[in-house]
Protein backbone atom coordinates (compact mmCIF):
# COMPACT_ATOMS: atom_id res chain seq x y z
CA UNK A 1 -203.30 -210.63 -96.46
CA UNK A 2 -201.84 -212.86 -94.19
CA UNK A 3 -198.62 -214.06 -95.15
CA UNK A 4 -198.98 -217.70 -94.53
CA UNK A 5 -201.81 -218.56 -96.94
CA UNK A 6 -202.42 -219.68 -100.46
CA UNK A 7 -203.54 -215.99 -102.08
CA UNK A 8 -200.40 -214.19 -100.47
CA UNK A 9 -198.51 -216.97 -102.37
CA UNK A 10 -200.42 -216.59 -105.71
CA UNK A 11 -200.18 -212.49 -104.90
CA UNK A 12 -196.55 -212.46 -104.28
CA UNK A 13 -195.24 -215.16 -107.34
CA UNK A 14 -197.19 -212.30 -109.70
CA UNK A 15 -195.74 -209.46 -107.75
CA UNK A 16 -191.98 -211.45 -107.86
CA UNK A 17 -192.36 -211.92 -111.24
CA UNK A 18 -193.68 -208.16 -112.62
CA UNK A 19 -191.37 -206.68 -110.73
CA UNK A 20 -188.46 -208.17 -112.44
CA UNK A 21 -189.39 -208.26 -115.39
CA UNK A 22 -189.73 -204.47 -115.33
CA UNK A 23 -186.30 -203.79 -113.41
CA UNK A 24 -184.90 -206.34 -116.03
CA UNK A 25 -186.58 -204.68 -119.20
CA UNK A 26 -188.03 -201.43 -118.51
CA UNK A 27 -186.04 -200.05 -115.83
CA UNK A 28 -183.65 -197.35 -117.71
CA UNK A 29 -187.28 -196.20 -119.90
CA UNK A 30 -189.11 -196.28 -117.34
CA UNK A 31 -187.78 -196.35 -113.85
CA UNK A 32 -191.05 -195.37 -112.14
CA UNK A 33 -193.29 -198.06 -113.98
CA UNK A 34 -191.92 -200.96 -111.45
CA UNK A 35 -192.62 -198.46 -108.08
CA UNK A 36 -195.78 -197.90 -109.61
CA UNK A 37 -196.38 -201.59 -109.60
CA UNK A 38 -195.12 -201.74 -106.04
CA UNK A 39 -197.22 -199.16 -105.18
CA UNK A 40 -200.57 -201.24 -106.62
CA UNK A 41 -199.55 -204.63 -105.61
CA UNK A 42 -199.13 -202.80 -101.64
CA UNK A 43 -203.04 -201.17 -102.46
CA UNK A 44 -204.25 -204.95 -103.21
CA UNK A 45 -202.52 -206.46 -100.83
CA UNK A 46 -203.93 -203.76 -98.42
CA UNK A 47 -207.37 -203.14 -99.97
CA UNK A 48 -207.32 -207.81 -99.21
CA UNK A 49 -208.37 -206.09 -95.36
CA UNK A 50 -210.59 -203.05 -96.02
CA UNK A 51 -210.55 -201.18 -99.31
CA UNK A 52 -211.74 -197.81 -97.64
CA UNK A 53 -208.87 -197.22 -96.08
CA UNK A 54 -206.55 -197.30 -98.69
CA UNK A 55 -206.83 -193.69 -99.38
CA UNK A 56 -206.15 -192.98 -95.90
CA UNK A 57 -202.99 -194.70 -96.78
CA UNK A 58 -202.60 -192.70 -99.81
CA UNK A 59 -203.32 -189.86 -97.98
CA UNK A 60 -200.84 -190.13 -95.20
CA UNK A 61 -198.41 -190.86 -97.53
CA UNK A 62 -198.52 -187.47 -99.69
CA UNK A 63 -198.65 -185.74 -96.56
CA UNK A 64 -195.61 -186.58 -95.51
CA UNK A 65 -193.68 -186.02 -98.98
CA UNK A 66 -195.34 -182.54 -99.00
CA UNK A 67 -194.41 -181.42 -95.91
CA UNK A 68 -190.61 -183.25 -96.44
CA UNK A 69 -190.51 -181.18 -99.84
CA UNK A 70 -191.46 -178.02 -97.58
CA UNK A 71 -189.02 -178.34 -94.64
CA UNK A 72 -185.84 -179.35 -97.08
CA UNK A 73 -186.38 -176.08 -98.84
CA UNK A 74 -186.21 -174.67 -95.87
CA UNK A 75 -183.17 -173.81 -93.55
CA UNK A 76 -183.28 -175.97 -90.55
CA UNK A 77 -183.30 -172.61 -88.60
CA UNK A 78 -186.83 -172.09 -89.82
CA UNK A 79 -187.99 -175.32 -88.88
CA UNK A 80 -189.07 -175.03 -85.98
CA UNK A 81 -192.47 -173.35 -86.73
CA UNK A 82 -193.80 -175.97 -89.38
CA UNK A 83 -192.50 -178.46 -87.89
CA UNK A 84 -195.28 -179.08 -85.13
CA UNK A 85 -198.04 -178.73 -87.68
CA UNK A 86 -195.79 -181.44 -89.93
CA UNK A 87 -195.82 -184.32 -87.12
CA UNK A 88 -199.66 -183.48 -86.21
CA UNK A 89 -201.30 -184.35 -89.64
CA UNK A 90 -200.04 -188.16 -88.82
CA UNK A 91 -200.42 -188.07 -85.30
CA UNK A 92 -204.55 -186.32 -85.27
CA UNK A 93 -204.80 -189.72 -87.73
CA UNK A 94 -203.64 -192.01 -85.17
CA UNK A 95 -205.20 -190.19 -82.09
CA UNK A 96 -208.52 -190.08 -83.84
CA UNK A 97 -208.42 -193.85 -85.09
CA UNK A 98 -206.95 -195.48 -81.82
CA UNK A 99 -207.90 -193.15 -79.08
CA UNK A 100 -210.98 -191.47 -79.83
CA UNK A 101 -213.18 -194.32 -78.41
CA UNK A 102 -211.13 -194.24 -75.03
CA UNK A 103 -211.05 -191.12 -74.24
CA UNK A 104 -214.71 -190.40 -74.54
CA UNK A 105 -215.71 -193.81 -73.05
CA UNK A 106 -212.83 -192.16 -69.62
CA UNK A 107 -215.09 -189.16 -69.34
CA UNK A 108 -218.22 -190.53 -68.94
CA UNK A 109 -217.23 -190.86 -65.12
CA UNK A 110 -216.98 -186.90 -65.16
CA UNK A 111 -220.95 -186.99 -67.47
CA UNK A 112 -221.85 -189.02 -64.36
CA UNK A 113 -220.80 -186.55 -61.66
CA UNK A 114 -222.12 -183.81 -63.17
CA UNK A 115 -225.56 -186.16 -63.79
CA UNK A 116 -225.52 -185.60 -67.61
CA UNK A 117 -225.83 -187.63 -70.43
CA UNK A 118 -222.21 -188.97 -71.66
CA UNK A 119 -221.77 -188.63 -74.97
CA UNK A 120 -221.67 -191.45 -77.36
CA UNK A 121 -219.22 -194.08 -78.67
CA UNK A 122 -217.68 -193.19 -82.39
CA UNK A 123 -217.78 -196.86 -83.19
CA UNK A 124 -214.25 -196.36 -84.85
CA UNK A 125 -212.92 -199.07 -87.16
CA UNK A 126 -209.21 -199.34 -86.11
CA UNK A 127 -207.20 -199.85 -89.74
CA UNK A 128 -204.80 -202.72 -89.78
CA UNK A 129 -201.51 -201.55 -89.30
CA UNK A 130 -202.31 -197.77 -88.64
CA UNK A 131 -199.40 -197.07 -85.74
CA UNK A 132 -196.85 -198.28 -88.23
CA UNK A 133 -198.52 -196.45 -90.90
CA UNK A 134 -198.28 -193.85 -88.80
CA UNK A 135 -194.49 -193.75 -88.26
CA UNK A 136 -193.50 -194.63 -91.13
CA UNK A 137 -194.92 -191.30 -92.38
CA UNK A 138 -193.64 -189.10 -89.09
CA UNK A 139 -189.79 -191.12 -89.75
CA UNK A 140 -189.94 -189.82 -93.35
CA UNK A 141 -190.36 -186.14 -92.06
CA UNK A 142 -188.55 -186.28 -89.26
CA UNK A 143 -185.84 -187.58 -91.19
CA UNK A 144 -185.97 -184.99 -93.56
CA UNK A 145 -186.16 -182.43 -90.92
CA UNK A 146 -183.27 -183.82 -88.93
CA UNK A 147 -180.82 -183.84 -92.44
CA UNK A 148 -181.25 -187.96 -92.32
CA UNK A 149 -183.03 -188.18 -95.77
CA UNK A 150 -183.12 -185.47 -98.58
CA UNK A 151 -186.29 -184.35 -99.32
CA UNK A 152 -187.76 -186.50 -102.18
CA UNK A 153 -188.53 -184.22 -105.27
CA UNK A 154 -190.78 -187.42 -106.84
CA UNK A 155 -194.03 -188.45 -104.51
CA UNK A 156 -193.92 -191.66 -105.57
CA UNK A 157 -191.13 -192.56 -103.97
CA UNK A 158 -192.85 -192.03 -100.45
CA UNK A 159 -195.60 -193.83 -101.30
CA UNK A 160 -193.91 -196.72 -101.64
CA UNK A 161 -191.78 -196.08 -98.99
CA UNK A 162 -195.01 -195.88 -96.44
CA UNK A 163 -196.91 -198.39 -98.28
CA UNK A 164 -194.68 -201.16 -99.58
CA UNK A 165 -196.52 -203.88 -98.55
CA UNK A 166 -193.74 -206.33 -96.43
CA UNK A 167 -194.01 -203.88 -93.51
CA UNK A 168 -197.17 -202.22 -94.07
CA UNK A 169 -199.05 -204.21 -91.51
CA UNK A 170 -197.20 -204.86 -88.85
CA UNK A 171 -192.71 -203.74 -89.44
CA UNK A 172 -190.53 -203.49 -89.32
CA UNK A 173 -190.24 -199.95 -88.69
CA UNK A 174 -188.00 -198.73 -91.43
CA UNK A 175 -186.49 -195.86 -91.32
CA UNK A 176 -186.21 -193.56 -94.57
CA UNK A 177 -183.05 -193.06 -94.93
CA UNK A 178 -182.44 -196.85 -95.08
CA UNK A 179 -184.97 -197.50 -97.46
CA UNK A 180 -185.80 -194.36 -99.54
CA UNK A 181 -181.66 -194.89 -101.05
CA UNK A 182 -183.02 -198.56 -102.42
CA UNK A 183 -186.22 -197.09 -103.86
CA UNK A 184 -184.29 -194.81 -105.99
CA UNK A 185 -181.57 -197.30 -106.93
CA UNK A 186 -182.29 -200.93 -109.68
CA UNK A 187 -182.36 -203.87 -107.33
CA UNK A 188 -179.67 -205.93 -108.46
CA UNK A 189 -181.43 -209.67 -109.48
CA UNK A 190 -177.53 -211.00 -108.37
CA UNK A 191 -177.40 -210.08 -105.17
CA UNK A 192 -180.57 -211.69 -103.86
CA UNK A 193 -179.90 -213.89 -100.79
CA UNK A 194 -182.39 -216.52 -102.20
CA UNK A 195 -180.87 -219.10 -99.28
CA UNK A 196 -181.42 -216.55 -96.81
CA UNK A 197 -184.71 -215.10 -97.44
CA UNK A 198 -186.19 -219.11 -97.57
CA UNK A 199 -184.65 -219.32 -94.32
CA UNK A 200 -186.50 -216.80 -92.65
CA UNK A 201 -189.82 -217.82 -94.80
CA UNK A 202 -189.69 -221.16 -93.70
CA UNK A 203 -188.61 -220.42 -90.74
CA UNK A 204 -191.26 -217.66 -89.49
CA UNK A 205 -193.71 -220.23 -90.95
CA UNK A 206 -192.75 -222.71 -88.46
CA UNK A 207 -193.33 -219.82 -85.92
CA UNK A 208 -196.59 -218.75 -86.57
CA UNK A 209 -197.83 -222.17 -87.48
CA UNK A 210 -196.45 -225.14 -85.39
CA UNK A 211 -196.15 -222.58 -82.16
CA UNK A 212 -197.88 -219.42 -82.16
CA UNK A 213 -201.24 -220.19 -83.21
CA UNK A 214 -201.15 -223.93 -81.36
CA UNK A 215 -200.28 -222.28 -78.01
CA UNK A 216 -203.02 -219.81 -78.79
CA UNK A 217 -205.93 -221.99 -79.64
CA UNK A 218 -204.58 -224.49 -77.71
CA UNK A 219 -203.43 -222.84 -74.38
CA UNK A 220 -203.45 -218.82 -73.87
CA UNK A 221 -206.71 -218.17 -75.08
CA UNK A 222 -208.63 -220.55 -73.12
CA UNK A 223 -207.25 -220.00 -69.84
CA UNK A 224 -207.60 -216.16 -70.52
CA UNK A 225 -211.44 -217.07 -70.95
CA UNK A 226 -211.88 -217.22 -67.34
CA UNK A 227 -208.31 -216.01 -65.76
CA UNK A 228 -210.04 -216.52 -62.44
CA UNK A 229 -211.15 -219.96 -62.41
CA UNK A 230 -207.92 -221.06 -63.70
CA UNK A 231 -205.82 -224.33 -62.48
CA UNK A 232 -202.79 -222.91 -60.69
CA UNK A 233 -201.15 -225.27 -63.43
CA UNK A 234 -202.55 -224.10 -66.32
CA UNK A 235 -202.46 -219.78 -65.24
CA UNK A 236 -198.40 -220.44 -65.03
CA UNK A 237 -198.71 -222.69 -68.59
CA UNK A 238 -200.05 -219.73 -69.98
CA UNK A 239 -198.09 -217.44 -68.29
CA UNK A 240 -195.05 -218.77 -69.93
CA UNK A 241 -197.25 -219.31 -73.13
CA UNK A 242 -197.84 -216.37 -73.67
CA UNK A 243 -194.68 -215.04 -74.14
CA UNK A 244 -193.35 -217.76 -76.04
CA UNK A 245 -196.68 -217.12 -77.97
CA UNK A 246 -195.93 -213.54 -78.90
CA UNK A 247 -192.30 -213.77 -79.69
CA UNK A 248 -193.30 -216.78 -82.00
CA UNK A 249 -195.73 -214.02 -83.74
CA UNK A 250 -194.75 -211.26 -83.73
CA UNK A 251 -190.79 -212.73 -84.78
CA UNK A 252 -192.40 -214.95 -87.16
CA UNK A 253 -194.06 -211.90 -89.32
CA UNK A 254 -190.91 -209.56 -89.12
CA UNK A 255 -188.92 -212.77 -90.52
CA UNK A 256 -190.89 -213.29 -93.47
CA UNK A 257 -190.78 -209.73 -94.22
CA UNK A 258 -187.40 -209.33 -94.06
CA UNK A 259 -187.57 -212.37 -95.96
CA UNK A 260 -190.15 -211.45 -98.34
CA UNK A 261 -188.40 -207.99 -98.97
CA UNK A 262 -185.31 -209.22 -99.81
CA UNK A 263 -186.60 -211.43 -102.45
CA UNK A 264 -187.75 -208.02 -103.94
CA UNK A 265 -184.28 -206.68 -103.75
CA UNK A 266 -184.64 -204.68 -100.73
CA UNK A 267 -182.94 -204.77 -97.56
CA UNK A 268 -184.88 -204.34 -94.08
CA UNK A 269 -183.21 -204.46 -90.63
CA UNK A 270 -183.20 -206.96 -87.92
CA UNK A 271 -185.93 -207.02 -85.70
CA UNK A 272 -185.70 -209.49 -83.09
CA UNK A 273 -182.46 -210.59 -81.65
CA UNK A 274 -183.29 -213.21 -79.23
CA UNK A 275 -184.81 -211.15 -76.64
CA UNK A 276 -185.18 -213.39 -73.62
CA UNK A 277 -181.64 -214.13 -73.70
CA UNK A 278 -181.73 -210.36 -72.10
CA UNK A 279 -180.26 -210.15 -68.86
CA UNK A 280 -181.59 -206.50 -68.00
CA UNK A 281 -184.48 -204.71 -68.97
CA UNK A 282 -182.60 -202.30 -71.29
CA UNK A 283 -180.66 -205.09 -72.84
CA UNK A 284 -183.79 -206.84 -74.04
CA UNK A 285 -185.26 -203.34 -75.28
CA UNK A 286 -182.03 -203.69 -77.63
CA UNK A 287 -183.09 -207.11 -78.65
CA UNK A 288 -187.19 -206.68 -78.36
CA UNK A 289 -188.54 -205.02 -81.23
CA UNK A 290 -185.49 -203.18 -82.81
CA UNK A 291 -187.23 -200.95 -85.04
CA UNK A 292 -189.52 -199.52 -82.50
CA UNK A 293 -187.19 -199.48 -79.11
CA UNK A 294 -184.80 -197.26 -81.53
CA UNK A 295 -187.56 -195.17 -83.01
CA UNK A 296 -188.40 -194.29 -79.53
CA UNK A 297 -184.71 -194.03 -78.39
CA UNK A 298 -184.47 -191.51 -81.52
CA UNK A 299 -187.93 -189.52 -82.05
CA UNK A 300 -189.16 -189.22 -78.28
CA UNK A 301 -186.35 -189.87 -75.36
CA UNK A 302 -183.86 -188.06 -77.02
CA UNK A 303 -185.62 -185.24 -77.77
CA UNK A 304 -187.75 -184.98 -73.96
CA UNK A 305 -183.88 -184.57 -73.37
CA UNK A 306 -182.49 -187.90 -72.84
CA UNK A 307 -179.35 -188.30 -70.61
CA UNK A 308 -178.82 -185.05 -70.77
CA UNK A 309 -180.75 -183.33 -67.72
CA UNK A 310 -178.86 -185.56 -64.77
CA UNK A 311 -180.38 -188.35 -63.32
CA UNK A 312 -184.06 -187.27 -62.06
CA UNK A 313 -185.04 -185.72 -65.88
CA UNK A 314 -183.32 -189.03 -67.39
CA UNK A 315 -185.41 -191.13 -65.11
CA UNK A 316 -188.33 -189.28 -66.41
CA UNK A 317 -187.61 -189.45 -69.73
CA UNK A 318 -187.61 -193.14 -69.33
CA UNK A 319 -191.24 -193.16 -67.95
CA UNK A 320 -192.68 -190.96 -69.93
CA UNK A 321 -190.90 -192.66 -73.25
CA UNK A 322 -192.27 -196.32 -71.82
CA UNK A 323 -195.54 -195.21 -71.08
CA UNK A 324 -196.13 -193.31 -74.52
CA UNK A 325 -194.62 -196.76 -75.82
CA UNK A 326 -197.53 -198.33 -74.04
CA UNK A 327 -200.33 -196.27 -75.19
CA UNK A 328 -198.63 -196.12 -79.09
CA UNK A 329 -199.63 -199.95 -78.79
CA UNK A 330 -203.37 -199.89 -77.37
CA UNK A 331 -205.86 -197.28 -76.06
CA UNK A 332 -206.70 -198.88 -73.00
CA UNK A 333 -204.82 -198.60 -69.26
CA UNK A 334 -203.36 -202.18 -68.97
CA UNK A 335 -201.09 -200.87 -71.70
CA UNK A 336 -200.43 -198.08 -69.64
CA UNK A 337 -199.49 -199.99 -67.03
CA UNK A 338 -197.55 -202.03 -69.20
CA UNK A 339 -195.47 -199.23 -70.25
CA UNK A 340 -195.01 -198.04 -66.66
CA UNK A 341 -193.67 -201.26 -65.87
CA UNK A 342 -190.80 -201.07 -67.94
CA UNK A 343 -190.06 -197.93 -67.31
CA UNK A 344 -190.37 -198.23 -63.57
CA UNK A 345 -187.97 -201.62 -64.50
CA UNK A 346 -185.44 -199.05 -66.68
CA UNK A 347 -185.77 -196.53 -63.80
CA UNK A 348 -184.62 -199.01 -60.92
CA UNK A 349 -182.12 -201.14 -62.78
CA UNK A 350 -180.34 -197.41 -63.77
CA UNK A 351 -180.89 -196.41 -59.98
CA UNK A 352 -179.18 -199.60 -59.20
CA UNK A 353 -176.39 -199.33 -61.36
CA UNK A 354 -177.60 -202.82 -63.88
CA UNK A 355 -176.18 -203.30 -66.90
CA UNK A 356 -175.93 -207.39 -66.64
CA UNK A 357 -172.87 -209.30 -65.75
CA UNK A 358 -170.25 -211.13 -67.02
CA UNK A 359 -171.19 -214.72 -67.84
CA UNK A 360 -171.43 -216.33 -64.67
CA UNK A 361 -174.44 -217.31 -61.60
CA UNK A 362 -175.04 -212.78 -61.77
CA UNK A 363 -175.58 -213.32 -65.57
CA UNK A 364 -178.05 -215.88 -65.91
CA UNK A 365 -179.98 -214.57 -62.73
CA UNK A 366 -180.03 -211.25 -64.53
CA UNK A 367 -181.89 -213.34 -67.83
CA UNK A 368 -184.40 -215.11 -65.18
CA UNK A 369 -185.12 -212.01 -63.33
CA UNK A 370 -185.59 -209.87 -66.31
CA UNK A 371 -187.27 -212.74 -68.16
CA UNK A 372 -189.93 -212.85 -65.04
CA UNK A 373 -190.25 -209.48 -65.40
CA UNK A 374 -191.11 -209.02 -69.05
CA UNK A 375 -193.57 -212.43 -68.39
CA UNK A 376 -195.24 -210.50 -65.89
CA UNK A 377 -195.33 -207.20 -68.31
CA UNK A 378 -197.20 -209.89 -71.04
CA UNK A 379 -200.12 -210.58 -68.64
CA UNK A 380 -200.98 -207.21 -68.81
CA UNK A 381 -200.47 -206.95 -72.30
CA UNK A 382 -202.84 -210.56 -72.81
CA UNK A 383 -205.76 -209.77 -70.37
CA UNK A 384 -208.37 -207.52 -72.09
CA UNK A 385 -208.25 -205.55 -69.02
CA UNK A 386 -206.59 -205.28 -65.55
CA UNK A 387 -209.54 -207.51 -63.71
CA UNK A 388 -208.38 -210.52 -65.93
CA UNK A 389 -205.16 -209.91 -65.30
CA UNK A 390 -205.42 -209.64 -61.57
CA UNK A 391 -207.38 -212.42 -61.94
CA UNK A 392 -204.05 -215.14 -63.77
CA UNK A 393 -201.71 -213.40 -60.89
CA UNK A 394 -204.20 -214.80 -58.16
CA UNK A 395 -204.73 -218.20 -59.87
CA UNK A 396 -201.20 -218.96 -60.22
CA UNK A 397 -201.00 -218.27 -56.46
CA UNK A 398 -204.09 -219.92 -55.53
CA UNK A 399 -205.64 -221.72 -58.51
CA UNK A 400 -207.53 -225.06 -58.15
CA UNK A 401 -207.30 -227.51 -60.20
CA UNK A 402 -208.67 -227.82 -63.43
CA UNK A 403 -205.92 -228.66 -66.15
CA UNK A 404 -205.21 -227.65 -69.52
CA UNK A 405 -201.96 -227.42 -70.46
CA UNK A 406 -201.14 -231.13 -71.90
CA UNK A 407 -197.62 -232.26 -72.28
CA UNK A 408 -197.79 -231.01 -76.05
CA UNK A 409 -198.36 -227.67 -74.55
CA UNK A 410 -195.37 -227.98 -71.99
CA UNK A 411 -192.97 -228.97 -75.16
CA UNK A 412 -194.01 -226.09 -77.60
CA UNK A 413 -193.60 -224.10 -74.85
CA UNK A 414 -189.87 -225.48 -74.17
CA UNK A 415 -189.73 -225.14 -77.76
CA UNK A 416 -190.55 -221.96 -78.44
CA UNK A 417 -188.21 -220.65 -75.64
CA UNK A 418 -185.07 -222.69 -76.41
CA UNK A 419 -184.96 -221.00 -79.66
CA UNK A 420 -182.86 -218.35 -77.08
CA UNK A 421 -180.55 -220.44 -76.32
CA UNK A 422 -178.98 -222.14 -79.87
CA UNK A 423 -176.03 -219.12 -81.20
CA UNK A 424 -177.40 -215.84 -82.21
CA UNK A 425 -175.45 -216.55 -85.56
CA UNK A 426 -177.35 -219.86 -86.36
CA UNK A 427 -179.51 -219.08 -89.23
CA UNK A 428 -175.96 -216.82 -91.08
CA UNK A 429 -174.03 -220.76 -89.99
CA UNK A 430 -176.73 -222.68 -91.98
CA UNK A 431 -177.02 -220.00 -94.68
CA UNK A 432 -173.25 -220.83 -95.50
CA UNK A 433 -173.65 -224.54 -95.25
CA UNK A 434 -177.19 -224.29 -97.59
CA UNK A 435 -175.13 -222.58 -100.01
CA UNK A 436 -172.86 -224.85 -101.33
CA UNK A 437 -176.40 -226.98 -101.97
CA UNK A 438 -177.46 -226.74 -106.02
CA UNK A 439 -180.22 -223.99 -106.69
CA UNK A 440 -182.43 -227.14 -106.88
CA UNK A 441 -182.15 -229.04 -104.62
CA UNK A 442 -182.84 -225.93 -102.41
CA UNK A 443 -185.77 -225.23 -104.24
CA UNK A 444 -187.69 -228.83 -104.09
CA UNK A 445 -186.15 -228.91 -99.89
CA UNK A 446 -187.87 -225.04 -99.62
CA UNK A 447 -190.61 -226.35 -101.01
CA UNK A 448 -191.21 -229.68 -99.51
CA UNK A 449 -190.33 -227.50 -95.77
CA UNK A 450 -193.34 -225.65 -96.79
CA UNK A 451 -195.79 -228.10 -97.85
CA UNK A 452 -194.62 -229.83 -94.20
CA UNK A 453 -195.22 -226.86 -91.96
CA UNK A 454 -199.01 -226.33 -93.28
CA UNK A 455 -199.57 -229.79 -93.47
CA UNK A 456 -198.94 -229.95 -89.47
CA UNK A 457 -199.82 -226.53 -88.90
CA UNK A 458 -203.47 -226.02 -87.43
CA UNK A 459 -206.66 -225.64 -89.72
CA UNK A 460 -206.94 -221.89 -90.78
CA UNK A 461 -204.62 -218.65 -90.09
CA UNK A 462 -205.35 -216.62 -87.44
CA UNK A 463 -203.86 -213.12 -87.29
CA UNK A 464 -200.84 -212.02 -86.41
CA UNK A 465 -200.87 -210.59 -83.18
CA UNK A 466 -199.69 -207.19 -83.86
CA UNK A 467 -201.87 -206.80 -87.29
CA UNK A 468 -204.34 -204.84 -84.09
CA UNK A 469 -201.89 -202.23 -83.17
């Protein structure tokens, strides 16, 4: 079920009404009733894609709950022998669905060398959002192990944490220590940030429908279908256009997820902070997909040794973290290359001692260089294979005169990137200004804004980019 659809709007209205009625009238006598309703709603939301994987989702959440109970009952000194098995469950799910066919295909070369018939691909269907709900389950197990979260006695609380529909398909990855205390408490109607939630939802719809979808359909997809034959101007437009598209697409989902959760009384952390303003790759990863980058830092980079073992080990840990982060995105060499590019860039920055600069020409030079390295990485990320990526880069240098880009598309790319030049707290400023508007007037304005966005947007809604991860 996609956020920017009438089906989701109807679904959410029902869930919103049922949730707050249960909170108001049944929470004291039966607090589990509301959580059970949210879990059921999350299953309906996920079943709209494929009902077959609902059992997988529930089983993974129950595994995390059970492992949390086992770890929580033991002294931390005894966790070492159980923790590998606890995290192996979710990792095996991820490995099978995302990487089984990739490794079988890669092993085919060895079988050909041995003149033996290679094994057939399994034809595994990738569940929507599998990487995200696997990381949710791992977060719970690891937070209990580290003592950041208490082991939950109630399986329902962990089921809601892993399966909660706003973040189920594409994040943000919410830590157990942050979200489970909210699940255990009674949501407070009086503290719902209606204005901020409305801004996030309307802004997310605008970024997805007016910017990301249009750029995908009219610019990026046509150029990448024949990257080697693209004109130089078209190739450059797609180079910048995909950077604009993926930012608008993914940040739109995150904004809408945060806004939807806020309307139900739950707080999600911010997931994007104008990433193309970064003056270094390390700063970029503090601004882009913040929940994933912080997850990789806390659960992978630091356990590998972080920066504690000297400069060479630190560089190794950076490379391993980014390469594995690339592999997390998909089972393909292009994702490994994308992760290696970012890892190599982080190592180079550390070797040069570059941490950005004070405002001035050096700072803006750092912003420009960082942005173009990121865009180079997006070519690897978007292309279906390394050959296509190479074809696009070659077309940027020597392409012909074919013309796909128009003034409208150039303006949309510029508008998407210009979002990074406005003050970072502009939504907070706008919220403060709109708080003085009477609620009926604000509701009418919000409804008209949604109607205008839906009217101006293209027909149909493409799935969010990160649904495939």
